[in-house]
C-alpha atoms as a PDB file:
ATOM      1  CA  UNK A   1     -36.518 -68.045-213.790  1.00  0.00           C
ATOM      2  CA  UNK A   2     -34.673 -64.924-212.566  1.00  0.00           C
ATOM      3  CA  UNK A   3     -31.087 -65.449-211.307  1.00  0.00           C
ATOM      4  CA  UNK A   4     -31.892 -64.380-207.949  1.00  0.00           C
ATOM      5  CA  UNK A   5     -33.701 -67.264-208.012  1.00  0.00           C
ATOM      6  CA  UNK A   6     -31.105 -70.107-209.647  1.00  0.00           C
ATOM      7  CA  UNK A   7     -28.289 -68.644-206.719  1.00  0.00           C
ATOM      8  CA  UNK A   8     -31.004 -68.907-203.884  1.00  0.00           C
ATOM      9  CA  UNK A   9     -31.379 -72.490-204.861  1.00  0.00           C
ATOM     10  CA  UNK A  10     -28.569 -73.224-205.943  1.00  0.00           C
ATOM     11  CA  UNK A  11     -26.793 -72.292-202.561  1.00  0.00           C
ATOM     12  CA  UNK A  12     -29.076 -73.488-200.432  1.00  0.00           C
ATOM     13  CA  UNK A  13     -28.864 -77.044-202.219  1.00  0.00           C
ATOM     14  CA  UNK A  14     -24.936 -76.543-201.698  1.00  0.00           C
ATOM     15  CA  UNK A  15     -24.498 -76.343-197.850  1.00  0.00           C
ATOM     16  CA  UNK A  16     -27.984 -79.114-197.610  1.00  0.00           C
ATOM     17  CA  UNK A  17     -25.167 -81.380-199.753  1.00  0.00           C
ATOM     18  CA  UNK A  18     -21.996 -80.870-197.333  1.00  0.00           C
ATOM     19  CA  UNK A  19     -24.194 -80.776-194.458  1.00  0.00           C
ATOM     20  CA  UNK A  20     -25.283 -84.673-195.824  1.00  0.00           C
ATOM     21  CA  UNK A  21     -21.878 -85.016-196.632  1.00  0.00           C
ATOM     22  CA  UNK A  22     -20.218 -84.380-193.192  1.00  0.00           C
ATOM     23  CA  UNK A  23     -22.706 -86.484-191.786  1.00  0.00           C
ATOM     24  CA  UNK A  24     -22.520 -89.229-193.594  1.00  0.00           C
ATOM     25  CA  UNK A  25     -18.526 -89.515-193.637  1.00  0.00           C
ATOM     26  CA  UNK A  26     -18.673 -89.578-189.881  1.00  0.00           C
ATOM     27  CA  UNK A  27     -17.250 -86.136-189.180  1.00  0.00           C
ATOM     28  CA  UNK A  28     -20.555 -84.711-188.041  1.00  0.00           C
ATOM     29  CA  UNK A  29     -23.683 -86.574-185.784  1.00  0.00           C
ATOM     30  CA  UNK A  30     -27.160 -84.751-187.196  1.00  0.00           C
ATOM     31  CA  UNK A  31     -28.932 -87.245-184.984  1.00  0.00           C
ATOM     32  CA  UNK A  32     -28.433 -84.993-182.063  1.00  0.00           C
ATOM     33  CA  UNK A  33     -29.579 -81.614-181.722  1.00  0.00           C
ATOM     34  CA  UNK A  34     -27.011 -78.882-182.129  1.00  0.00           C
ATOM     35  CA  UNK A  35     -26.233 -75.559-184.182  1.00  0.00           C
ATOM     36  CA  UNK A  36     -25.890 -77.590-187.555  1.00  0.00           C
ATOM     37  CA  UNK A  37     -29.977 -78.038-187.410  1.00  0.00           C
ATOM     38  CA  UNK A  38     -29.796 -74.367-187.496  1.00  0.00           C
ATOM     39  CA  UNK A  39     -28.034 -74.231-190.798  1.00  0.00           C
ATOM     40  CA  UNK A  40     -29.970 -76.940-192.123  1.00  0.00           C
ATOM     41  CA  UNK A  41     -32.796 -74.676-191.667  1.00  0.00           C
ATOM     42  CA  UNK A  42     -31.333 -72.285-193.011  1.00  0.00           C
ATOM     43  CA  UNK A  43     -30.748 -73.960-196.203  1.00  0.00           C
ATOM     44  CA  UNK A  44     -34.070 -75.422-196.832  1.00  0.00           C
ATOM     45  CA  UNK A  45     -35.096 -71.729-196.518  1.00  0.00           C
ATOM     46  CA  UNK A  46     -33.002 -71.215-199.248  1.00  0.00           C
ATOM     47  CA  UNK A  47     -33.739 -73.864-201.805  1.00  0.00           C
ATOM     48  CA  UNK A  48     -37.606 -72.968-200.891  1.00  0.00           C
ATOM     49  CA  UNK A  49     -37.610 -69.628-201.295  1.00  0.00           C
ATOM     50  CA  UNK A  50     -36.179 -70.203-204.692  1.00  0.00           C
ATOM     51  CA  UNK A  51     -38.819 -71.532-205.908  1.00  0.00           C
ATOM     52  CA  UNK A  52     -41.674 -69.815-204.180  1.00  0.00           C
ATOM     53  CA  UNK A  53     -40.294 -66.371-203.486  1.00  0.00           C
ATOM     54  CA  UNK A  54     -41.359 -66.786-199.839  1.00  0.00           C
ATOM     55  CA  UNK A  55     -38.469 -65.461-197.608  1.00  0.00           C
ATOM     56  CA  UNK A  56     -39.165 -65.009-194.114  1.00  0.00           C
ATOM     57  CA  UNK A  57     -36.398 -62.205-193.611  1.00  0.00           C
ATOM     58  CA  UNK A  58     -38.078 -60.166-196.677  1.00  0.00           C
ATOM     59  CA  UNK A  59     -41.039 -60.232-194.661  1.00  0.00           C
ATOM     60  CA  UNK A  60     -39.368 -58.624-191.965  1.00  0.00           C
ATOM     61  CA  UNK A  61     -37.577 -56.112-193.676  1.00  0.00           C
ATOM     62  CA  UNK A  62     -40.592 -55.102-195.485  1.00  0.00           C
ATOM     63  CA  UNK A  63     -42.613 -54.710-192.386  1.00  0.00           C
ATOM     64  CA  UNK A  64     -39.490 -52.280-191.320  1.00  0.00           C
ATOM     65  CA  UNK A  65     -39.942 -50.344-194.285  1.00  0.00           C
ATOM     66  CA  UNK A  66     -36.814 -51.635-195.794  1.00  0.00           C
ATOM     67  CA  UNK A  67     -36.630 -51.631-199.778  1.00  0.00           C
ATOM     68  CA  UNK A  68     -36.179 -54.565-201.769  1.00  0.00           C
ATOM     69  CA  UNK A  69     -32.929 -53.997-204.325  1.00  0.00           C
ATOM     70  CA  UNK A  70     -34.158 -53.199-207.345  1.00  0.00           C
END
């Protein structure tokens, strides 16, 4: 496992953790549809891309001709 993958996993987990803590402490109501669900979706994508190496933005950038970092 590379550092890039570990960073994605930890970043996604930390974002999801802070959303959960905010919800269960009563600061945020995640039971209603709001913009924080977009944050949760991004965090889940970060988390899963660390394990699967599939990132939708990577695919979009590749189709636009943008090269990956070496």
